Amino acid sequence: MADKKEIFQVDSAEDSPGFSLWQVSSMWQRKINAGLKPFDLTHAQFVLLASMTWLASDNKPLTQVDLASHAKMDVMMASNVLRTLEEKGLIVRNPHPTDTRAKSLAVTNKGRDLAGQAVAVVEKIDTDFFSSLGNGVGGFNKQLLKLIEAGGENS
């Protein structure tokens, strides 16, 4: 059997930032999924619905590409999720006012109400989950934003 040193670059699993990120992400997503279950929303559905609600305040037509870019989600995955949100009556897709190839997305009143309720639950979960970082939450978020910005250069 191969020695760990021949395969891995780290001395222990805890030294791997990718593995640690995986573990934290899995723990956090389990809590988010449990919190969203009463709303009959998946995490992806919530992210797009909440993002649409957030971006709606800009009063500019919102396209699927714009929304997927904001959420850092694959455009085809976003399309499938948006179809489900539309079937649930939470969003509508209308002809875009200037681009005949695109659809303009809008949140329905039902979707806005549901987003408001779900956001409150998710924000509470986030506050509780990240509370162990204490005053370090802001710094942690800045580090995550650095990774997001750097990810754009490499993708």
C-alpha atoms as a PDB file:
ATOM      1  CA  MET A   1       0.000   0.000   0.000  1.00  0.00           C
ATOM      2  CA  ALA A   2       1.268   3.470  -0.902  1.00  0.00           C
ATOM      3  CA  ASP A   3       2.469   5.752   1.866  1.00  0.00           C
ATOM      4  CA  LYS A   4       0.356   8.890   2.486  1.00  0.00           C
ATOM      5  CA  LYS A   5       3.398  11.047   1.726  1.00  0.00           C
ATOM      6  CA  GLU A   6       3.505   9.603  -1.812  1.00  0.00           C
ATOM      7  CA  ILE A   7      -0.075  10.677  -2.504  1.00  0.00           C
ATOM      8  CA  PHE A   8      -0.871  13.731  -0.371  1.00  0.00           C
ATOM      9  CA  GLN A   9       0.925  17.061  -0.032  1.00  0.00           C
ATOM     10  CA  VAL A  10      -0.341  17.628   3.525  1.00  0.00           C
ATOM     11  CA  ASP A  11       0.600  15.880   6.749  1.00  0.00           C
ATOM     12  CA  SER A  12      -2.973  15.693   8.042  1.00  0.00           C
ATOM     13  CA  ALA A  13      -6.416  16.106   6.507  1.00  0.00           C
ATOM     14  CA  GLU A  14      -6.941  19.229   8.638  1.00  0.00           C
ATOM     15  CA  ASP A  15      -4.045  20.889   6.764  1.00  0.00           C
ATOM     16  CA  SER A  16      -5.986  20.774   3.483  1.00  0.00           C
ATOM     17  CA  PRO A  17      -7.933  24.014   2.934  1.00  0.00           C
ATOM     18  CA  GLY A  18     -10.017  22.344   0.225  1.00  0.00           C
ATOM     19  CA  PHE A  19     -11.041  19.503   2.506  1.00  0.00           C
ATOM     20  CA  SER A  20     -11.820  21.921   5.343  1.00  0.00           C
ATOM     21  CA  LEU A  21     -13.902  24.058   2.974  1.00  0.00           C
ATOM     22  CA  TRP A  22     -15.744  20.918   1.862  1.00  0.00           C
ATOM     23  CA  GLN A  23     -16.505  19.962   5.463  1.00  0.00           C
ATOM     24  CA  VAL A  24     -17.677  23.444   6.482  1.00  0.00           C
ATOM     25  CA  SER A  25     -19.724  23.811   3.296  1.00  0.00           C
ATOM     26  CA  SER A  26     -21.400  20.429   3.855  1.00  0.00           C
ATOM     27  CA  MET A  27     -22.247  21.266   7.475  1.00  0.00           C
ATOM     28  CA  TRP A  28     -23.614  24.695   6.523  1.00  0.00           C
ATOM     29  CA  GLN A  29     -25.623  23.380   3.550  1.00  0.00           C
ATOM     30  CA  ARG A  30     -27.293  20.712   5.728  1.00  0.00           C
ATOM     31  CA  LYS A  31     -28.501  23.478   8.059  1.00  0.00           C
ATOM     32  CA  ILE A  32     -29.642  25.669   5.155  1.00  0.00           C
ATOM     33  CA  ASN A  33     -31.494  22.786   3.502  1.00  0.00           C
ATOM     34  CA  ALA A  34     -33.272  21.965   6.759  1.00  0.00           C
ATOM     35  CA  GLY A  35     -34.257  25.617   7.168  1.00  0.00           C
ATOM     36  CA  LEU A  36     -35.590  25.842   3.602  1.00  0.00           C
ATOM     37  CA  LYS A  37     -37.549  22.577   3.718  1.00  0.00           C
ATOM     38  CA  PRO A  38     -40.745  24.180   5.141  1.00  0.00           C
ATOM     39  CA  PHE A  39     -40.716  26.621   2.200  1.00  0.00           C
ATOM     40  CA  ASP A  40     -40.428  23.808  -0.370  1.00  0.00           C
ATOM     41  CA  LEU A  41     -37.269  25.423  -1.759  1.00  0.00           C
ATOM     42  CA  THR A  42     -33.943  23.871  -2.620  1.00  0.00           C
ATOM     43  CA  HIS A  43     -30.834  25.868  -1.806  1.00  0.00           C
ATOM     44  CA  ALA A  44     -30.330  26.710  -5.508  1.00  0.00           C
ATOM     45  CA  GLN A  45     -33.960  27.851  -5.803  1.00  0.00           C
ATOM     46  CA  PHE A  46     -33.537  30.027  -2.732  1.00  0.00           C
ATOM     47  CA  VAL A  47     -30.310  31.595  -4.021  1.00  0.00           C
ATOM     48  CA  LEU A  48     -31.883  32.544  -7.353  1.00  0.00           C
ATOM     49  CA  LEU A  49     -35.140  33.752  -5.813  1.00  0.00           C
ATOM     50  CA  ALA A  50     -33.329  35.820  -3.178  1.00  0.00           C
ATOM     51  CA  SER A  51     -30.886  37.153  -5.785  1.00  0.00           C
ATOM     52  CA  MET A  52     -33.742  38.165  -8.075  1.00  0.00           C
ATOM     53  CA  THR A  53     -35.451  39.920  -5.168  1.00  0.00           C
ATOM     54  CA  TRP A  54     -32.187  41.702  -4.310  1.00  0.00           C
ATOM     55  CA  LEU A  55     -31.459  42.713  -7.913  1.00  0.00           C
ATOM     56  CA  ALA A  56     -35.045  43.833  -8.564  1.00  0.00           C
ATOM     57  CA  SER A  57     -34.324  46.993  -6.583  1.00  0.00           C
ATOM     58  CA  ASP A  58     -32.061  48.148  -9.450  1.00  0.00           C
ATOM     59  CA  ASN A  59     -35.149  48.604 -11.676  1.00  0.00           C
ATOM     60  CA  LYS A  60     -33.263  47.297 -14.715  1.00  0.00           C
ATOM     61  CA  PRO A  61     -34.354  44.320 -16.810  1.00  0.00           C
ATOM     62  CA  LEU A  62     -32.777  41.202 -15.342  1.00  0.00           C
ATOM     63  CA  THR A  63     -31.696  38.404 -17.670  1.00  0.00           C
ATOM     64  CA  GLN A  64     -30.935  34.786 -16.870  1.00  0.00           C
ATOM     65  CA  VAL A  65     -27.258  35.412 -17.741  1.00  0.00           C
ATOM     66  CA  ASP A  66     -27.103  38.407 -15.373  1.00  0.00           C
ATOM     67  CA  LEU A  67     -28.694  36.382 -12.588  1.00  0.00           C
ATOM     68  CA  ALA A  68     -26.439  33.354 -13.101  1.00  0.00           C
ATOM     69  CA  SER A  69     -23.398  35.653 -13.093  1.00  0.00           C
ATOM     70  CA  HIS A  70     -24.518  37.306  -9.851  1.00  0.00           C
ATOM     71  CA  ALA A  71     -25.031  33.908  -8.190  1.00  0.00           C
ATOM     72  CA  LYS A  72     -21.844  32.407  -9.739  1.00  0.00           C
ATOM     73  CA  MET A  73     -24.027  29.609 -11.092  1.00  0.00           C
ATOM     74  CA  ASP A  74     -23.853  27.773 -14.398  1.00  0.00           C
ATOM     75  CA  VAL A  75     -26.323  29.361 -16.870  1.00  0.00           C
ATOM     76  CA  MET A  76     -27.924  26.018 -17.804  1.00  0.00           C
ATOM     77  CA  MET A  77     -28.375  25.062 -14.154  1.00  0.00           C
ATOM     78  CA  ALA A  78     -29.903  28.479 -13.513  1.00  0.00           C
ATOM     79  CA  SER A  79     -32.271  27.934 -16.430  1.00  0.00           C
ATOM     80  CA  ASN A  80     -33.494  24.628 -14.982  1.00  0.00           C
ATOM     81  CA  VAL A  81     -33.950  26.131 -11.517  1.00  0.00           C
ATOM     82  CA  LEU A  82     -35.767  29.164 -12.952  1.00  0.00           C
ATOM     83  CA  ARG A  83     -38.146  26.859 -14.824  1.00  0.00           C
ATOM     84  CA  THR A  84     -39.092  25.249 -11.509  1.00  0.00           C
ATOM     85  CA  LEU A  85     -39.521  28.638  -9.813  1.00  0.00           C
ATOM     86  CA  GLU A  86     -41.766  29.701 -12.707  1.00  0.00           C
ATOM     87  CA  GLU A  87     -43.848  26.504 -12.387  1.00  0.00           C
ATOM     88  CA  LYS A  88     -44.292  27.296  -8.681  1.00  0.00           C
ATOM     89  CA  GLY A  89     -45.585  30.769  -9.569  1.00  0.00           C
ATOM     90  CA  LEU A  90     -42.669  32.508  -7.813  1.00  0.00           C
ATOM     91  CA  ILE A  91     -41.206  34.209 -10.900  1.00  0.00           C
ATOM     92  CA  VAL A  92     -42.217  35.151 -14.423  1.00  0.00           C
ATOM     93  CA  ARG A  93     -40.191  35.364 -17.596  1.00  0.00           C
ATOM     94  CA  ASN A  94     -41.287  38.145 -19.940  1.00  0.00           C
ATOM     95  CA  PRO A  95     -39.933  39.322 -23.287  1.00  0.00           C
ATOM     96  CA  HIS A  96     -36.859  41.511 -22.729  1.00  0.00           C
ATOM     97  CA  PRO A  97     -37.545  45.156 -23.676  1.00  0.00           C
ATOM     98  CA  THR A  98     -34.399  45.548 -25.821  1.00  0.00           C
ATOM     99  CA  ASP A  99     -32.925  42.077 -26.481  1.00  0.00           C
ATOM    100  CA  THR A 100     -35.214  39.800 -28.496  1.00  0.00           C
ATOM    101  CA  ARG A 101     -33.020  36.775 -27.655  1.00  0.00           C
ATOM    102  CA  ALA A 102     -33.368  37.214 -23.892  1.00  0.00           C
ATOM    103  CA  LYS A 103     -36.122  37.020 -21.333  1.00  0.00           C
ATOM    104  CA  SER A 104     -36.593  39.547 -18.566  1.00  0.00           C
ATOM    105  CA  LEU A 105     -37.030  37.918 -15.172  1.00  0.00           C
ATOM    106  CA  ALA A 106     -39.338  39.202 -12.444  1.00  0.00           C
ATOM    107  CA  VAL A 107     -40.362  37.976  -9.010  1.00  0.00           C
ATOM    108  CA  THR A 108     -44.114  37.600  -8.447  1.00  0.00           C
ATOM    109  CA  ASN A 109     -45.790  38.895  -5.283  1.00  0.00           C
ATOM    110  CA  LYS A 110     -45.985  35.288  -4.069  1.00  0.00           C
ATOM    111  CA  GLY A 111     -42.251  34.894  -4.775  1.00  0.00           C
ATOM    112  CA  ARG A 112     -41.374  38.145  -2.996  1.00  0.00           C
ATOM    113  CA  ASP A 113     -43.360  37.103   0.081  1.00  0.00           C
ATOM    114  CA  LEU A 114     -41.747  33.664   0.140  1.00  0.00           C
ATOM    115  CA  ALA A 115     -38.277  35.160  -0.399  1.00  0.00           C
ATOM    116  CA  GLY A 116     -38.802  37.502   2.546  1.00  0.00           C
ATOM    117  CA  GLN A 117     -39.762  34.640   4.839  1.00  0.00           C
ATOM    118  CA  ALA A 118     -36.960  32.364   3.631  1.00  0.00           C
ATOM    119  CA  VAL A 119     -34.290  35.097   3.790  1.00  0.00           C
ATOM    120  CA  ALA A 120     -35.140  35.695   7.453  1.00  0.00           C
ATOM    121  CA  VAL A 121     -34.616  31.996   8.213  1.00  0.00           C
ATOM    122  CA  VAL A 122     -31.392  31.727   6.179  1.00  0.00           C
ATOM    123  CA  GLU A 123     -29.926  34.887   7.727  1.00  0.00           C
ATOM    124  CA  LYS A 124     -30.644  33.468  11.204  1.00  0.00           C
ATOM    125  CA  ILE A 125     -28.959  30.193  10.248  1.00  0.00           C
ATOM    126  CA  ASP A 126     -25.956  32.135   8.923  1.00  0.00           C
ATOM    127  CA  THR A 127     -25.718  34.233  12.090  1.00  0.00           C
ATOM    128  CA  ASP A 128     -25.870  31.143  14.295  1.00  0.00           C
ATOM    129  CA  PHE A 129     -23.514  29.066  12.138  1.00  0.00           C
ATOM    130  CA  PHE A 130     -20.800  31.704  11.792  1.00  0.00           C
ATOM    131  CA  SER A 131     -21.127  32.991  15.371  1.00  0.00           C
ATOM    132  CA  SER A 132     -18.200  30.830  16.489  1.00  0.00           C
ATOM    133  CA  LEU A 133     -15.968  33.197  14.477  1.00  0.00           C
ATOM    134  CA  GLY A 134     -17.014  36.081  16.736  1.00  0.00           C
ATOM    135  CA  ASN A 135     -15.565  39.376  15.536  1.00  0.00           C
ATOM    136  CA  GLY A 136     -13.729  37.491  12.784  1.00  0.00           C
ATOM    137  CA  VAL A 137     -16.824  37.065  10.590  1.00  0.00           C
ATOM    138  CA  GLY A 138     -16.107  40.248   8.617  1.00  0.00           C
ATOM    139  CA  GLY A 139     -12.508  39.207   7.970  1.00  0.00           C
ATOM    140  CA  PHE A 140     -13.620  35.705   7.001  1.00  0.00           C
ATOM    141  CA  ASN A 141     -16.084  37.162   4.508  1.00  0.00           C
ATOM    142  CA  LYS A 142     -13.338  39.379   3.036  1.00  0.00           C
ATOM    143  CA  GLN A 143     -11.180  36.293   2.543  1.00  0.00           C
ATOM    144  CA  LEU A 144     -14.066  34.515   0.798  1.00  0.00           C
ATOM    145  CA  LEU A 145     -14.529  37.533  -1.487  1.00  0.00           C
ATOM    146  CA  LYS A 146     -10.823  37.371  -2.400  1.00  0.00           C
ATOM    147  CA  LEU A 147     -11.306  33.746  -3.449  1.00  0.00           C
ATOM    148  CA  ILE A 148     -14.395  34.674  -5.480  1.00  0.00           C
ATOM    149  CA  GLU A 149     -12.522  37.471  -7.249  1.00  0.00           C
ATOM    150  CA  ALA A 150      -9.516  35.244  -7.926  1.00  0.00           C
ATOM    151  CA  GLY A 151     -11.793  32.480  -9.200  1.00  0.00           C
ATOM    152  CA  GLY A 152     -12.954  34.728 -12.016  1.00  0.00           C
ATOM    153  CA  GLU A 153      -9.382  35.019 -13.269  1.00  0.00           C
ATOM    154  CA  ASN A 154      -8.863  31.279 -13.418  1.00  0.00           C
ATOM    155  CA  SER A 155     -12.187  30.120 -14.828  1.00  0.00           C
END
